[in-house]
Protein backbone atom coordinates (compact mmCIF):
# COMPACT_ATOMS: atom_id res chain seq x y z
CA MET A 1 -0.04 0.04 -0.15
CA GLU A 2 2.90 2.31 0.91
CA PHE A 3 4.20 1.52 -2.39
CA SER A 4 1.21 2.41 -4.31
CA GLU A 5 1.05 5.72 -2.48
CA ARG A 6 4.77 6.49 -3.37
CA TYR A 7 4.35 5.50 -6.92
CA LYS A 8 1.36 7.50 -7.30
CA GLY A 9 2.94 10.27 -5.74
CA GLU A 10 6.02 9.86 -8.26
CA ALA A 11 3.55 9.65 -11.13
CA ARG A 12 1.70 12.96 -9.95
CA THR A 13 5.17 14.74 -9.60
CA ILE A 14 6.06 13.61 -13.73
CA ARG A 15 2.56 14.69 -14.55
CA SER A 16 3.21 17.95 -13.04
CA MET A 17 6.36 18.37 -15.04
CA ASN A 18 4.74 17.90 -18.11
CA MET A 19 7.22 14.84 -18.85
CA ASN A 20 4.66 12.74 -21.07
CA VAL A 21 6.31 10.12 -23.64
CA PRO A 22 6.14 12.73 -26.45
CA ASN A 23 8.07 15.32 -24.38
CA SER A 24 10.60 12.28 -23.19
CA LEU A 25 11.09 11.63 -26.97
CA THR A 26 11.83 15.59 -27.34
CA MET A 27 14.51 15.61 -24.93
CA LEU A 28 15.97 12.13 -26.44
CA ARG A 29 16.29 14.26 -29.79
CA ILE A 30 18.08 17.05 -28.01
CA LEU A 31 20.31 14.41 -26.20
CA LEU A 32 21.55 13.22 -29.51
CA ILE A 33 22.80 16.52 -31.00
CA PRO A 34 26.26 16.24 -29.06
CA VAL A 35 26.51 12.53 -30.81
CA TYR A 36 25.84 14.08 -34.09
CA VAL A 37 28.42 16.79 -33.57
CA GLY A 38 30.86 14.35 -32.51
CA LEU A 39 30.35 12.10 -35.41
CA LEU A 40 30.46 15.01 -37.90
CA ASN A 41 33.36 16.01 -36.34
CA TYR A 42 35.42 12.80 -36.57
CA GLU A 43 33.66 12.49 -40.32
CA GLN A 44 31.56 9.69 -39.64
CA PHE A 45 29.16 11.01 -42.12
CA ASP A 46 27.40 7.86 -42.12
CA TYR A 47 26.56 7.51 -38.89
CA ALA A 48 25.73 11.17 -38.70
CA LEU A 49 23.04 10.30 -41.13
CA ALA A 50 21.80 7.87 -39.31
CA THR A 51 21.97 10.00 -36.52
CA LEU A 52 19.52 12.42 -38.43
CA PHE A 53 17.18 9.76 -39.21
CA ILE A 54 16.58 8.63 -35.69
CA ALA A 55 16.15 12.16 -34.57
CA GLY A 56 13.36 12.71 -37.41
CA VAL A 57 11.43 9.45 -36.59
CA THR A 58 11.44 10.54 -33.13
CA ASP A 59 10.22 14.20 -33.91
CA ALA A 60 7.34 12.82 -36.20
CA LEU A 61 7.04 10.11 -33.40
CA ASP A 62 6.25 12.77 -30.49
CA GLY A 63 4.18 14.81 -32.92
CA ILE A 64 1.68 11.85 -33.79
CA ILE A 65 1.51 10.70 -29.87
CA ALA A 66 1.12 14.04 -28.79
CA ARG A 67 -1.98 14.73 -31.16
CA VAL A 68 -3.49 11.08 -30.81
CA ALA A 69 -2.98 10.53 -26.97
CA ASN A 70 -4.14 14.49 -26.60
CA GLN A 71 -0.84 14.88 -24.59
CA ARG A 72 -0.02 18.43 -26.07
CA THR A 73 1.78 20.70 -23.37
CA ARG A 74 3.01 24.16 -22.80
CA LEU A 75 6.47 22.60 -22.45
CA GLY A 76 6.00 20.63 -25.44
CA GLU A 77 5.39 23.52 -27.46
CA VAL A 78 8.45 24.94 -26.61
CA LEU A 79 11.00 22.17 -26.54
CA ASP A 80 9.85 20.74 -29.70
CA PRO A 81 10.93 23.52 -32.12
CA LEU A 82 13.80 24.08 -29.53
CA ALA A 83 15.02 20.75 -30.41
CA ASP A 84 14.93 21.17 -34.11
CA LYS A 85 16.48 24.26 -33.93
CA LEU A 86 19.26 23.39 -31.66
CA MET A 87 19.94 20.13 -34.09
CA LEU A 88 20.08 22.47 -37.11
CA THR A 89 21.91 25.28 -35.72
CA THR A 90 24.86 22.90 -34.29
CA GLY A 91 24.97 21.30 -37.31
CA PHE A 92 25.33 24.43 -39.45
CA ILE A 93 28.03 25.71 -36.85
CA THR A 94 29.86 22.43 -36.95
CA LEU A 95 30.16 22.12 -40.91
CA SER A 96 31.11 25.92 -40.88
CA VAL A 97 33.97 24.99 -39.07
CA MET A 98 34.84 21.98 -41.26
CA HIS A 99 34.57 24.62 -43.70
CA MET A 100 31.99 22.85 -45.54
CA VAL A 101 29.27 25.51 -45.76
CA PRO A 102 29.98 29.27 -45.74
CA LEU A 103 30.05 31.48 -42.51
CA TRP A 104 27.59 33.93 -43.59
CA LEU A 105 24.76 31.11 -43.91
CA THR A 106 25.63 29.85 -40.42
CA ILE A 107 25.57 33.18 -39.12
CA LEU A 108 21.88 33.55 -40.83
CA VAL A 109 20.79 30.26 -39.56
CA ALA A 110 22.12 30.96 -35.75
CA SER A 111 20.72 34.48 -35.29
CA ARG A 112 17.26 33.45 -36.97
CA ASP A 113 17.22 30.48 -34.31
CA LEU A 114 18.19 32.55 -31.47
CA MET A 115 15.65 35.10 -31.95
CA LEU A 116 12.99 32.48 -32.28
CA MET A 117 14.50 30.85 -29.13
CA LEU A 118 14.68 33.79 -26.98
CA GLY A 119 10.95 34.59 -27.98
CA ALA A 120 9.89 31.03 -26.98
CA ALA A 121 11.80 31.29 -23.72
CA VAL A 122 10.11 34.77 -22.90
CA ALA A 123 6.80 33.32 -23.58
CA HIS A 124 7.07 30.17 -21.59
CA PHE A 125 8.77 31.51 -18.50
CA THR A 126 6.42 34.66 -18.17
CA GLN A 127 3.37 32.60 -18.85
CA THR A 128 2.24 35.53 -21.56
CA GLN A 129 -0.10 34.57 -23.93
CA VAL A 130 1.83 34.60 -27.26
CA ASP A 131 1.23 33.02 -30.09
CA ILE A 132 4.97 30.76 -30.54
CA SER A 133 3.13 28.22 -33.26
CA PRO A 134 5.50 28.07 -36.43
CA THR A 135 4.03 29.95 -39.55
CA VAL A 136 3.71 28.28 -42.95
CA LEU A 137 6.89 30.14 -44.10
CA GLY A 138 8.70 29.38 -40.78
CA LYS A 139 8.08 25.44 -41.33
CA VAL A 140 8.72 25.68 -44.98
CA THR A 141 12.33 27.26 -43.73
CA THR A 142 12.90 24.18 -41.52
CA LEU A 143 12.42 22.16 -44.24
CA ILE A 144 14.83 23.67 -46.32
CA GLN A 145 17.41 23.68 -43.63
CA LEU A 146 16.89 20.31 -42.69
CA THR A 147 16.82 19.09 -46.62
CA THR A 148 20.18 20.94 -47.07
CA LEU A 149 21.93 19.91 -44.13
CA ILE A 150 21.17 16.19 -45.23
CA ALA A 151 22.10 17.07 -48.80
CA ILE A 152 25.81 18.25 -47.41
CA VAL A 153 25.99 15.44 -45.07
CA PHE A 154 24.88 12.98 -47.61
CA PHE A 155 27.49 14.26 -50.42
CA ALA A 156 30.55 14.36 -47.73
CA SER A 157 29.72 10.83 -47.27
CA ARG A 158 30.27 9.82 -50.66
CA ARG A 159 32.79 12.31 -51.49
CA LEU A 160 31.02 14.21 -53.65
CA ASP A 161 31.50 18.00 -54.77
CA LEU A 162 29.85 20.01 -52.65
CA ALA A 163 29.76 23.07 -55.29
CA VAL A 164 26.79 21.08 -56.83
CA LEU A 165 24.86 21.91 -53.83
CA ASP A 166 25.40 26.11 -54.15
CA PRO A 167 22.04 26.60 -55.86
CA LEU A 168 20.20 25.01 -52.67
CA VAL A 169 22.67 26.78 -49.99
CA TYR A 170 21.80 30.12 -51.37
CA LEU A 171 17.80 29.12 -51.94
CA MET A 172 18.05 28.38 -48.26
CA GLY A 173 19.83 31.42 -47.36
CA GLY A 174 17.41 33.47 -49.15
CA VAL A 175 14.17 31.78 -47.25
CA THR A 176 16.00 31.85 -44.00
CA LEU A 177 16.60 35.44 -44.17
CA MET A 178 12.52 36.00 -45.20
CA SER A 179 11.54 33.99 -42.41
CA GLY A 180 13.85 35.51 -39.80
CA LEU A 181 12.27 39.07 -41.22
CA HIS A 182 8.67 37.90 -41.07
CA TYR A 183 9.03 36.47 -37.47
CA LEU A 184 10.81 39.97 -36.52
CA SER A 185 7.71 42.18 -38.15
CA ARG A 186 5.14 39.93 -36.50
CA GLY A 187 6.29 40.30 -33.02
CA TYR A 188 7.11 43.62 -33.39
CA PHE A 189 3.61 44.17 -34.62
CA ARG A 190 2.17 42.10 -31.89
CA ILE A 191 3.96 44.31 -28.88
CA THR A 192 3.21 47.43 -30.15
CA SER A 193 -0.61 46.59 -30.99
CA SER A 194 -0.73 45.06 -27.26
CA GLN A 195 0.49 48.26 -25.93
CA ALA A 196 -2.15 50.17 -27.72
């Protein structure tokens, strides 16, 4: 009986922390980031691709489970995009250090994601009613960034000429810039309208 009550108490604590299955999968995705970065540093590109695939599967699963099991939480709304941005940003930073992507592209990606993460963190910790859901342009940007990252790692794993990917790199840079400006203008107008 005592064990049962203790178990129930621990279960309530876990629920209060919002650490359900979808959020646990998201945390797993975050924990995979240093593994992925290490594999890139040691030029283990095939294993890095496999890690990206596992991260993609967990990303899909946490979204499906959250919807089907009605386990959406505010923490999940913050953690899920945070995990995606950390995976992409650290990937581009690592590839930039390895001189596989231009520095300007990494700065563009990191600046946009830093702005979004700061906005999401402020919204979460201040409990303000701010819409932090990604826009259509934001989702397209994430998809193009992920496609570019996978393509670069794949080309590197096969010793192919990365210059072939230049059009994709410039496309990604342009879309990332537009998305960053869009989020910045949207945030500005919402702040000014709330103060009016």
